[in-house]
Amino acid sequence: MQARKSLEARETAAAIKTLRQITDMPGLESRHYVQAWHFLRGLGVNPPADQAKIVHGVVVEVGMENGADIVAAYGDGSARYLNFSGAGVFWERADDSLDAEIEALLAAGREVAKLIGPWDKERPDVPSNGNVRLNMLTPSGLHFGYGDFATLAKDPMGAALINPATRLMVKLTELPKQ
C-alpha cells in the first residue's frame, strides 16, 4: 500500500525502497515476494544474481474443454488447486502432511528454472484444451514452458514438473472438506 502511495505521488525512489524492504522481510507469504519483485522489475530494478532464480512458487495450468485446472505450490508451504468448474482447495500449511509433495514440485521447478530464462513478453492466455503451461515464479520473472500435455508429459523437463504436480493435486483433492 505504501509503495502504491509513493508511486501515485511520483516518488519512485520511496516506492523502490518500500518494495525492497518487502523482498528482505522474512516470513512473508511467497506471493508477496513475487509481487514485490514484479513491481520492482517494472521500475527498472532487477534482483541480485544470487536471488534472481529463487523459485517462490510453481504453478501448473492444464487446459480443459471448459477452462483450466491449476495446481500451485509455494515456498511458504502453501498450495492451491483450482478446478475448471470453479471448485478449489486452498492449503495454508495447517500441518506438514503435504510438505513432501509441495517440496517435490518446488525442487523440480528449481531445476527447470536453472535451465531456462525468464519470459520477457506479455503473459500468454490460459492454455487451451489439451495444452499445459508450467510456470516457475522467481524474482527475475516468470519462467515457463508451454505445449501439448501429452508431449510435455513425456519430455524430461515437462514430466519433472507434471508428475509431482499431479501427486500434489491428488493429495489436495483428498483432503477432508471443511
N, C-alpha and C. Protein backbone atom coordinates (compact mmCIF):
# COMPACT_ATOMS: atom_id res chain seq x y z
N MET A 1 0.82 -1.18 0.00
CA MET A 1 0.00 0.00 0.00
C MET A 1 0.88 1.26 0.00
N GLN A 2 1.93 1.24 0.83
CA GLN A 2 2.82 2.40 0.90
C GLN A 2 3.53 2.62 -0.43
N ALA A 3 3.96 1.53 -1.07
CA ALA A 3 4.64 1.66 -2.37
C ALA A 3 3.69 2.28 -3.39
N ARG A 4 2.44 1.86 -3.39
CA ARG A 4 1.46 2.42 -4.32
C ARG A 4 1.28 3.92 -4.08
N LYS A 5 1.16 4.30 -2.81
CA LYS A 5 1.01 5.72 -2.49
C LYS A 5 2.23 6.52 -2.97
N SER A 6 3.41 5.95 -2.78
CA SER A 6 4.62 6.63 -3.24
C SER A 6 4.61 6.79 -4.76
N LEU A 7 4.19 5.76 -5.46
CA LEU A 7 4.14 5.85 -6.93
C LEU A 7 3.13 6.88 -7.38
N GLU A 8 1.97 6.91 -6.72
CA GLU A 8 0.94 7.89 -7.07
C GLU A 8 1.44 9.32 -6.85
N ALA A 9 2.33 9.47 -5.86
CA ALA A 9 2.91 10.79 -5.58
C ALA A 9 4.17 11.03 -6.42
N ARG A 10 4.43 10.14 -7.36
CA ARG A 10 5.61 10.22 -8.23
C ARG A 10 6.93 10.19 -7.45
N GLU A 11 6.91 9.44 -6.35
CA GLU A 11 8.10 9.26 -5.52
C GLU A 11 8.65 7.86 -5.77
N THR A 12 9.26 7.68 -6.93
CA THR A 12 9.74 6.37 -7.35
C THR A 12 10.77 5.80 -6.38
N ALA A 13 11.71 6.61 -5.93
CA ALA A 13 12.74 6.12 -5.02
C ALA A 13 12.12 5.58 -3.72
N ALA A 14 11.11 6.25 -3.21
CA ALA A 14 10.44 5.79 -1.99
C ALA A 14 9.70 4.48 -2.25
N ALA A 15 9.07 4.35 -3.41
CA ALA A 15 8.37 3.11 -3.76
C ALA A 15 9.37 1.96 -3.86
N ILE A 16 10.49 2.21 -4.50
CA ILE A 16 11.52 1.17 -4.62
C ILE A 16 12.03 0.76 -3.24
N LYS A 17 12.25 1.73 -2.39
CA LYS A 17 12.72 1.43 -1.03
C LYS A 17 11.71 0.54 -0.29
N THR A 18 10.45 0.88 -0.37
CA THR A 18 9.40 0.08 0.29
C THR A 18 9.35 -1.33 -0.27
N LEU A 19 9.39 -1.45 -1.59
CA LEU A 19 9.33 -2.77 -2.22
C LEU A 19 10.57 -3.60 -1.87
N ARG A 20 11.73 -2.98 -1.82
CA ARG A 20 12.95 -3.70 -1.44
C ARG A 20 12.85 -4.19 0.01
N GLN A 21 12.23 -3.37 0.88
CA GLN A 21 12.04 -3.79 2.27
C GLN A 21 11.16 -5.04 2.32
N ILE A 22 10.15 -5.09 1.46
CA ILE A 22 9.28 -6.27 1.41
C ILE A 22 10.08 -7.49 0.99
N THR A 23 10.92 -7.34 -0.03
CA THR A 23 11.70 -8.50 -0.51
C THR A 23 12.68 -9.00 0.54
N ASP A 24 13.06 -8.15 1.48
CA ASP A 24 14.02 -8.53 2.52
C ASP A 24 13.36 -8.99 3.82
N MET A 25 12.03 -8.88 3.92
CA MET A 25 11.33 -9.27 5.15
C MET A 25 11.22 -10.79 5.22
N PRO A 26 11.64 -11.38 6.33
CA PRO A 26 11.47 -12.83 6.47
C PRO A 26 10.03 -13.17 6.84
N GLY A 27 9.60 -14.37 6.44
CA GLY A 27 8.33 -14.91 6.90
C GLY A 27 7.08 -14.48 6.18
N LEU A 28 7.20 -13.75 5.08
CA LEU A 28 6.00 -13.37 4.32
C LEU A 28 5.53 -14.53 3.45
N GLU A 29 4.31 -14.43 2.98
CA GLU A 29 3.83 -15.41 2.01
C GLU A 29 4.63 -15.25 0.73
N SER A 30 4.90 -16.36 0.07
CA SER A 30 5.69 -16.34 -1.16
C SER A 30 5.12 -15.39 -2.20
N ARG A 31 3.82 -15.32 -2.28
CA ARG A 31 3.18 -14.46 -3.28
C ARG A 31 3.54 -12.98 -3.07
N HIS A 32 3.82 -12.57 -1.83
CA HIS A 32 4.21 -11.18 -1.57
C HIS A 32 5.58 -10.88 -2.18
N TYR A 33 6.51 -11.82 -2.05
CA TYR A 33 7.84 -11.62 -2.65
C TYR A 33 7.74 -11.55 -4.17
N VAL A 34 6.96 -12.45 -4.75
CA VAL A 34 6.80 -12.47 -6.21
C VAL A 34 6.20 -11.14 -6.69
N GLN A 35 5.18 -10.67 -6.00
CA GLN A 35 4.54 -9.42 -6.40
C GLN A 35 5.48 -8.23 -6.24
N ALA A 36 6.22 -8.19 -5.14
CA ALA A 36 7.15 -7.07 -4.93
C ALA A 36 8.20 -7.05 -6.03
N TRP A 37 8.74 -8.22 -6.39
CA TRP A 37 9.73 -8.26 -7.47
C TRP A 37 9.11 -7.90 -8.81
N HIS A 38 7.87 -8.25 -9.03
CA HIS A 38 7.18 -7.86 -10.27
C HIS A 38 7.16 -6.33 -10.40
N PHE A 39 6.77 -5.67 -9.34
CA PHE A 39 6.72 -4.20 -9.37
C PHE A 39 8.12 -3.59 -9.46
N LEU A 40 9.08 -4.17 -8.75
CA LEU A 40 10.45 -3.66 -8.84
C LEU A 40 11.00 -3.76 -10.26
N ARG A 41 10.78 -4.89 -10.91
CA ARG A 41 11.24 -5.02 -12.31
C ARG A 41 10.58 -3.97 -13.18
N GLY A 42 9.30 -3.69 -12.93
CA GLY A 42 8.59 -2.66 -13.68
C GLY A 42 9.18 -1.28 -13.47
N LEU A 43 9.87 -1.11 -12.34
CA LEU A 43 10.52 0.17 -12.04
C LEU A 43 12.00 0.16 -12.44
N GLY A 44 12.40 -0.91 -13.14
CA GLY A 44 13.77 -0.99 -13.63
C GLY A 44 14.77 -1.58 -12.65
N VAL A 45 14.29 -2.19 -11.57
CA VAL A 45 15.17 -2.78 -10.57
C VAL A 45 15.17 -4.30 -10.75
N ASN A 46 16.33 -4.85 -11.04
CA ASN A 46 16.46 -6.29 -11.21
C ASN A 46 17.04 -6.90 -9.94
N PRO A 47 16.70 -8.16 -9.67
CA PRO A 47 17.21 -8.80 -8.46
C PRO A 47 18.70 -9.09 -8.59
N PRO A 48 19.39 -9.16 -7.45
CA PRO A 48 20.79 -9.58 -7.49
C PRO A 48 20.89 -11.00 -8.06
N ALA A 49 22.01 -11.32 -8.67
CA ALA A 49 22.18 -12.62 -9.33
C ALA A 49 21.90 -13.79 -8.38
N ASP A 50 22.28 -13.65 -7.10
CA ASP A 50 22.09 -14.75 -6.17
C ASP A 50 20.63 -14.94 -5.75
N GLN A 51 19.76 -14.00 -6.12
CA GLN A 51 18.33 -14.11 -5.81
C GLN A 51 17.46 -14.30 -7.04
N ALA A 52 18.00 -14.04 -8.20
CA ALA A 52 17.20 -13.99 -9.43
C ALA A 52 16.44 -15.28 -9.73
N LYS A 53 17.03 -16.42 -9.43
CA LYS A 53 16.41 -17.69 -9.80
C LYS A 53 15.80 -18.43 -8.61
N ILE A 54 15.62 -17.76 -7.49
CA ILE A 54 14.93 -18.39 -6.36
C ILE A 54 13.49 -18.67 -6.80
N VAL A 55 13.07 -19.90 -6.67
CA VAL A 55 11.71 -20.27 -7.07
C VAL A 55 10.80 -20.13 -5.85
N HIS A 56 9.95 -19.12 -5.90
CA HIS A 56 9.00 -18.88 -4.81
C HIS A 56 7.71 -19.68 -5.01
N GLY A 57 7.49 -20.14 -6.22
CA GLY A 57 6.29 -20.91 -6.49
C GLY A 57 6.35 -21.58 -7.84
N VAL A 58 5.58 -22.65 -7.96
CA VAL A 58 5.41 -23.36 -9.23
C VAL A 58 3.91 -23.49 -9.45
N VAL A 59 3.46 -23.08 -10.63
CA VAL A 59 2.05 -23.14 -10.98
C VAL A 59 1.92 -23.93 -12.28
N VAL A 60 1.11 -24.98 -12.24
CA VAL A 60 0.88 -25.81 -13.42
C VAL A 60 -0.56 -25.62 -13.85
N GLU A 61 -0.75 -25.16 -15.09
CA GLU A 61 -2.07 -24.89 -15.65
C GLU A 61 -2.34 -25.87 -16.78
N VAL A 62 -3.40 -26.63 -16.65
CA VAL A 62 -3.76 -27.61 -17.68
C VAL A 62 -5.06 -27.18 -18.34
N GLY A 63 -4.99 -26.93 -19.64
CA GLY A 63 -6.16 -26.51 -20.38
C GLY A 63 -7.17 -27.63 -20.51
N MET A 64 -8.41 -27.33 -20.17
CA MET A 64 -9.51 -28.29 -20.27
C MET A 64 -10.52 -27.72 -21.26
N GLU A 65 -11.50 -28.52 -21.61
CA GLU A 65 -12.51 -28.07 -22.57
C GLU A 65 -13.22 -26.79 -22.12
N ASN A 66 -13.49 -26.69 -20.81
CA ASN A 66 -14.25 -25.55 -20.29
C ASN A 66 -13.45 -24.66 -19.36
N GLY A 67 -12.14 -24.60 -19.52
CA GLY A 67 -11.33 -23.76 -18.64
C GLY A 67 -9.98 -24.39 -18.39
N ALA A 68 -9.47 -24.23 -17.18
CA ALA A 68 -8.17 -24.79 -16.83
C ALA A 68 -8.19 -25.34 -15.41
N ASP A 69 -7.48 -26.43 -15.22
CA ASP A 69 -7.18 -26.93 -13.88
C ASP A 69 -5.83 -26.35 -13.51
N ILE A 70 -5.71 -25.86 -12.29
CA ILE A 70 -4.48 -25.20 -11.86
C ILE A 70 -4.06 -25.77 -10.51
N VAL A 71 -2.80 -26.18 -10.42
CA VAL A 71 -2.23 -26.59 -9.14
C VAL A 71 -0.99 -25.74 -8.90
N ALA A 72 -0.84 -25.27 -7.66
CA ALA A 72 0.28 -24.38 -7.33
C ALA A 72 0.88 -24.79 -6.00
N ALA A 73 2.20 -24.70 -5.93
CA ALA A 73 2.94 -24.93 -4.69
C ALA A 73 3.82 -23.71 -4.45
N TYR A 74 3.89 -23.28 -3.19
CA TYR A 74 4.65 -22.08 -2.86
C TYR A 74 5.70 -22.39 -1.80
N GLY A 75 6.77 -21.61 -1.81
CA GLY A 75 7.88 -21.81 -0.90
C GLY A 75 7.52 -21.67 0.57
N ASP A 76 6.42 -21.02 0.87
CA ASP A 76 5.99 -20.87 2.26
C ASP A 76 5.22 -22.09 2.75
N GLY A 77 5.11 -23.12 1.91
CA GLY A 77 4.41 -24.35 2.30
C GLY A 77 2.94 -24.36 1.96
N SER A 78 2.43 -23.31 1.35
CA SER A 78 1.02 -23.29 0.96
C SER A 78 0.87 -23.90 -0.44
N ALA A 79 -0.36 -24.24 -0.77
CA ALA A 79 -0.64 -24.84 -2.08
C ALA A 79 -2.09 -24.53 -2.45
N ARG A 80 -2.36 -24.63 -3.74
CA ARG A 80 -3.70 -24.36 -4.27
C ARG A 80 -4.03 -25.39 -5.34
N TYR A 81 -5.30 -25.74 -5.41
CA TYR A 81 -5.81 -26.47 -6.57
C TYR A 81 -7.11 -25.80 -6.96
N LEU A 82 -7.18 -25.34 -8.20
CA LEU A 82 -8.39 -24.72 -8.73
C LEU A 82 -8.86 -25.56 -9.91
N ASN A 83 -10.07 -26.06 -9.80
CA ASN A 83 -10.66 -26.87 -10.86
C ASN A 83 -11.34 -25.96 -11.86
N PHE A 84 -11.37 -26.37 -13.11
CA PHE A 84 -12.01 -25.56 -14.16
C PHE A 84 -13.46 -25.24 -13.83
N SER A 85 -14.10 -26.05 -12.99
CA SER A 85 -15.51 -25.85 -12.64
C SER A 85 -15.71 -24.68 -11.68
N GLY A 86 -14.62 -24.22 -11.07
CA GLY A 86 -14.72 -23.17 -10.07
C GLY A 86 -14.46 -23.68 -8.66
N ALA A 87 -14.48 -24.99 -8.47
CA ALA A 87 -14.17 -25.56 -7.16
C ALA A 87 -12.68 -25.39 -6.89
N GLY A 88 -12.31 -25.43 -5.63
CA GLY A 88 -10.90 -25.28 -5.31
C GLY A 88 -10.56 -25.73 -3.91
N VAL A 89 -9.27 -25.94 -3.70
CA VAL A 89 -8.73 -26.30 -2.39
C VAL A 89 -7.58 -25.33 -2.11
N PHE A 90 -7.62 -24.70 -0.95
CA PHE A 90 -6.57 -23.77 -0.53
C PHE A 90 -5.89 -24.35 0.70
N TRP A 91 -4.61 -24.64 0.61
CA TRP A 91 -3.84 -25.22 1.70
C TRP A 91 -2.91 -24.15 2.25
N GLU A 92 -3.09 -23.80 3.51
CA GLU A 92 -2.25 -22.78 4.15
C GLU A 92 -1.29 -23.39 5.15
N ARG A 93 -0.86 -24.59 4.88
CA ARG A 93 0.07 -25.36 5.72
C ARG A 93 -0.45 -25.50 7.15
N ALA A 94 -1.61 -26.13 7.26
CA ALA A 94 -2.20 -26.41 8.56
C ALA A 94 -1.33 -27.38 9.36
N ASP A 95 -0.59 -28.22 8.67
CA ASP A 95 0.35 -29.16 9.27
C ASP A 95 1.36 -29.53 8.18
N ASP A 96 2.20 -30.51 8.45
CA ASP A 96 3.25 -30.86 7.49
C ASP A 96 2.87 -32.01 6.55
N SER A 97 1.60 -32.37 6.51
CA SER A 97 1.18 -33.55 5.74
C SER A 97 1.38 -33.43 4.23
N LEU A 98 1.48 -32.22 3.70
CA LEU A 98 1.70 -32.04 2.25
C LEU A 98 3.10 -31.51 1.94
N ASP A 99 3.94 -31.39 2.95
CA ASP A 99 5.27 -30.82 2.73
C ASP A 99 6.06 -31.56 1.67
N ALA A 100 6.03 -32.88 1.69
CA ALA A 100 6.83 -33.66 0.72
C ALA A 100 6.37 -33.39 -0.71
N GLU A 101 5.06 -33.36 -0.93
CA GLU A 101 4.53 -33.12 -2.28
C GLU A 101 4.83 -31.70 -2.74
N ILE A 102 4.68 -30.74 -1.84
CA ILE A 102 4.96 -29.34 -2.18
C ILE A 102 6.44 -29.18 -2.51
N GLU A 103 7.30 -29.73 -1.66
CA GLU A 103 8.75 -29.61 -1.89
C GLU A 103 9.18 -30.32 -3.16
N ALA A 104 8.56 -31.45 -3.49
CA ALA A 104 8.92 -32.15 -4.73
C ALA A 104 8.64 -31.28 -5.95
N LEU A 105 7.51 -30.60 -5.96
CA LEU A 105 7.17 -29.73 -7.09
C LEU A 105 8.10 -28.51 -7.12
N LEU A 106 8.38 -27.92 -5.97
CA LEU A 106 9.30 -26.78 -5.93
C LEU A 106 10.71 -27.18 -6.36
N ALA A 107 11.17 -28.34 -5.92
CA ALA A 107 12.51 -28.81 -6.30
C ALA A 107 12.61 -29.00 -7.81
N ALA A 108 11.57 -29.56 -8.40
CA ALA A 108 11.55 -29.73 -9.86
C ALA A 108 11.57 -28.36 -10.54
N GLY A 109 10.81 -27.42 -10.00
CA GLY A 109 10.79 -26.07 -10.55
C GLY A 109 12.14 -25.39 -10.47
N ARG A 110 12.87 -25.61 -9.37
CA ARG A 110 14.21 -25.02 -9.24
C ARG A 110 15.14 -25.57 -10.31
N GLU A 111 15.04 -26.87 -10.58
CA GLU A 111 15.91 -27.47 -11.60
C GLU A 111 15.59 -26.93 -12.99
N VAL A 112 14.32 -26.83 -13.31
CA VAL A 112 13.93 -26.32 -14.63
C VAL A 112 14.29 -24.84 -14.77
N ALA A 113 14.06 -24.05 -13.72
CA ALA A 113 14.36 -22.61 -13.79
C ALA A 113 15.85 -22.36 -14.03
N LYS A 114 16.71 -23.26 -13.58
CA LYS A 114 18.15 -23.12 -13.84
C LYS A 114 18.46 -23.19 -15.33
N LEU A 115 17.61 -23.90 -16.07
CA LEU A 115 17.89 -24.20 -17.48
C LEU A 115 17.23 -23.25 -18.46
N ILE A 116 16.26 -22.47 -18.00
CA ILE A 116 15.55 -21.58 -18.92
C ILE A 116 15.55 -20.16 -18.36
N GLY A 117 15.37 -19.20 -19.22
CA GLY A 117 15.36 -17.80 -18.80
C GLY A 117 13.95 -17.30 -18.55
N PRO A 118 13.85 -16.12 -17.96
CA PRO A 118 12.53 -15.54 -17.71
C PRO A 118 11.87 -15.07 -19.00
N TRP A 119 10.57 -15.13 -19.02
CA TRP A 119 9.77 -14.65 -20.14
C TRP A 119 9.74 -13.13 -20.08
N ASP A 120 10.04 -12.47 -21.19
CA ASP A 120 10.11 -11.01 -21.17
C ASP A 120 9.02 -10.34 -22.00
N LYS A 121 7.98 -11.10 -22.31
CA LYS A 121 6.87 -10.55 -23.09
C LYS A 121 5.59 -10.59 -22.24
N GLU A 122 4.50 -10.16 -22.85
CA GLU A 122 3.19 -10.22 -22.18
C GLU A 122 2.85 -11.67 -21.86
N ARG A 123 2.27 -11.89 -20.70
CA ARG A 123 1.92 -13.26 -20.29
C ARG A 123 0.87 -13.82 -21.25
N PRO A 124 1.09 -15.02 -21.79
CA PRO A 124 0.11 -15.62 -22.70
C PRO A 124 -1.20 -15.97 -21.98
N ASP A 125 -2.23 -16.16 -22.78
CA ASP A 125 -3.53 -16.56 -22.24
C ASP A 125 -3.44 -17.93 -21.58
N VAL A 126 -4.50 -18.29 -20.87
CA VAL A 126 -4.63 -19.60 -20.24
C VAL A 126 -4.47 -20.67 -21.32
N PRO A 127 -3.83 -21.79 -21.00
CA PRO A 127 -3.66 -22.84 -22.00
C PRO A 127 -5.00 -23.33 -22.55
N SER A 128 -5.01 -23.60 -23.83
CA SER A 128 -6.22 -24.14 -24.46
C SER A 128 -6.33 -25.63 -24.15
N ASN A 129 -7.46 -26.20 -24.47
CA ASN A 129 -7.75 -27.61 -24.19
C ASN A 129 -6.63 -28.51 -24.70
N GLY A 130 -6.12 -29.35 -23.81
CA GLY A 130 -5.08 -30.30 -24.17
C GLY A 130 -3.66 -29.77 -24.03
N ASN A 131 -3.53 -28.50 -23.68
CA ASN A 131 -2.20 -27.90 -23.50
C ASN A 131 -1.92 -27.65 -22.03
N VAL A 132 -0.66 -27.43 -21.72
CA VAL A 132 -0.24 -27.18 -20.34
C VAL A 132 0.80 -26.07 -20.33
N ARG A 133 0.74 -25.25 -19.28
CA ARG A 133 1.79 -24.26 -19.05
C ARG A 133 2.38 -24.55 -17.68
N LEU A 134 3.70 -24.64 -17.63
CA LEU A 134 4.45 -24.95 -16.42
C LEU A 134 5.19 -23.68 -16.00
N ASN A 135 4.77 -23.05 -14.92
CA ASN A 135 5.27 -21.73 -14.51
C ASN A 135 6.14 -21.82 -13.26
N MET A 136 7.30 -21.18 -13.31
CA MET A 136 8.15 -21.01 -12.14
C MET A 136 8.18 -19.52 -11.82
N LEU A 137 7.84 -19.16 -10.59
CA LEU A 137 7.75 -17.77 -10.16
C LEU A 137 9.03 -17.39 -9.43
N THR A 138 9.81 -16.49 -10.03
CA THR A 138 11.10 -16.11 -9.47
C THR A 138 11.23 -14.58 -9.41
N PRO A 139 12.18 -14.06 -8.64
CA PRO A 139 12.41 -12.62 -8.63
C PRO A 139 12.75 -12.05 -10.02
N SER A 140 13.38 -12.84 -10.88
CA SER A 140 13.72 -12.35 -12.22
C SER A 140 12.55 -12.43 -13.18
N GLY A 141 11.43 -12.99 -12.73
CA GLY A 141 10.24 -13.05 -13.57
C GLY A 141 9.74 -14.46 -13.77
N LEU A 142 8.73 -14.55 -14.60
CA LEU A 142 8.08 -15.82 -14.90
C LEU A 142 8.95 -16.65 -15.84
N HIS A 143 9.26 -17.87 -15.43
CA HIS A 143 9.93 -18.84 -16.29
C HIS A 143 8.85 -19.88 -16.61
N PHE A 144 8.67 -20.23 -17.87
CA PHE A 144 7.63 -21.22 -18.15
C PHE A 144 7.91 -22.02 -19.41
N GLY A 145 7.23 -23.15 -19.45
CA GLY A 145 7.18 -23.98 -20.64
C GLY A 145 5.72 -24.16 -21.01
N TYR A 146 5.46 -24.32 -22.30
CA TYR A 146 4.08 -24.43 -22.77
C TYR A 146 4.05 -25.43 -23.91
N GLY A 147 3.01 -26.24 -23.93
CA GLY A 147 2.86 -27.16 -25.06
C GLY A 147 1.76 -28.16 -24.83
N ASP A 148 1.70 -29.09 -25.74
CA ASP A 148 0.73 -30.18 -25.69
C ASP A 148 1.00 -31.02 -24.43
N PHE A 149 -0.05 -31.29 -23.66
CA PHE A 149 0.11 -32.02 -22.41
C PHE A 149 0.78 -33.37 -22.63
N ALA A 150 0.29 -34.14 -23.60
CA ALA A 150 0.82 -35.48 -23.84
C ALA A 150 2.31 -35.43 -24.20
N THR A 151 2.69 -34.44 -24.98
CA THR A 151 4.09 -34.31 -25.37
C THR A 151 4.96 -33.91 -24.18
N LEU A 152 4.53 -32.90 -23.43
CA LEU A 152 5.33 -32.45 -22.28
C LEU A 152 5.37 -33.49 -21.17
N ALA A 153 4.34 -34.30 -21.04
CA ALA A 153 4.33 -35.35 -20.02
C ALA A 153 5.40 -36.40 -20.30
N LYS A 154 5.85 -36.49 -21.56
CA LYS A 154 6.90 -37.45 -21.94
C LYS A 154 8.29 -36.79 -21.97
N ASP A 155 8.32 -35.47 -21.97
CA ASP A 155 9.58 -34.73 -22.01
C ASP A 155 10.21 -34.74 -20.62
N PRO A 156 11.53 -34.92 -20.51
CA PRO A 156 12.15 -34.97 -19.17
C PRO A 156 11.85 -33.75 -18.30
N MET A 157 11.98 -32.54 -18.85
CA MET A 157 11.70 -31.36 -18.03
C MET A 157 10.21 -31.23 -17.74
N GLY A 158 9.37 -31.51 -18.73
CA GLY A 158 7.93 -31.42 -18.53
C GLY A 158 7.44 -32.42 -17.50
N ALA A 159 7.87 -33.67 -17.65
CA ALA A 159 7.46 -34.71 -16.72
C ALA A 159 7.96 -34.43 -15.31
N ALA A 160 9.14 -33.81 -15.21
CA ALA A 160 9.70 -33.49 -13.89
C ALA A 160 8.78 -32.55 -13.11
N LEU A 161 7.98 -31.76 -13.82
CA LEU A 161 7.02 -30.87 -13.17
C LEU A 161 5.61 -31.46 -13.13
N ILE A 162 5.19 -32.08 -14.21
CA ILE A 162 3.82 -32.61 -14.29
C ILE A 162 3.59 -33.71 -13.26
N ASN A 163 4.56 -34.61 -13.09
CA ASN A 163 4.35 -35.73 -12.17
C ASN A 163 4.18 -35.28 -10.72
N PRO A 164 5.06 -34.45 -10.16
CA PRO A 164 4.81 -34.01 -8.78
C PRO A 164 3.59 -33.10 -8.66
N ALA A 165 3.28 -32.35 -9.71
CA ALA A 165 2.07 -31.52 -9.68
C ALA A 165 0.83 -32.39 -9.59
N THR A 166 0.84 -33.49 -10.32
CA THR A 166 -0.30 -34.41 -10.28
C THR A 166 -0.43 -35.04 -8.90
N ARG A 167 0.70 -35.44 -8.31
CA ARG A 167 0.64 -36.02 -6.96
C ARG A 167 0.11 -35.00 -5.95
N LEU A 168 0.55 -33.76 -6.07
CA LEU A 168 0.06 -32.72 -5.16
C LEU A 168 -1.43 -32.48 -5.36
N MET A 169 -1.87 -32.44 -6.61
CA MET A 169 -3.29 -32.23 -6.89
C MET A 169 -4.13 -33.34 -6.26
N VAL A 170 -3.69 -34.58 -6.41
CA VAL A 170 -4.44 -35.71 -5.83
C VAL A 170 -4.51 -35.56 -4.32
N LYS A 171 -3.39 -35.24 -3.67
CA LYS A 171 -3.39 -35.07 -2.22
C LYS A 171 -4.31 -33.93 -1.78
N LEU A 172 -4.28 -32.84 -2.52
CA LEU A 172 -5.15 -31.71 -2.18
C LEU A 172 -6.62 -32.09 -2.30
N THR A 173 -6.98 -32.83 -3.34
CA THR A 173 -8.38 -33.20 -3.53
C THR A 173 -8.84 -34.27 -2.55
N GLU A 174 -7.90 -34.96 -1.92
CA GLU A 174 -8.25 -35.98 -0.93
C GLU A 174 -8.40 -35.41 0.48
N LEU A 175 -8.07 -34.14 0.66
CA LEU A 175 -8.21 -33.53 1.98
C LEU A 175 -9.68 -33.51 2.41
N PRO A 176 -9.94 -33.65 3.70
CA PRO A 176 -11.33 -33.58 4.17
C PRO A 176 -11.93 -32.21 3.84
N LYS A 177 -13.18 -32.23 3.44
CA LYS A 177 -13.89 -30.98 3.12
C LYS A 177 -14.15 -30.21 4.40
N GLN A 178 -14.05 -28.90 4.32
CA GLN A 178 -14.28 -28.08 5.52
C GLN A 178 -15.47 -27.19 5.34
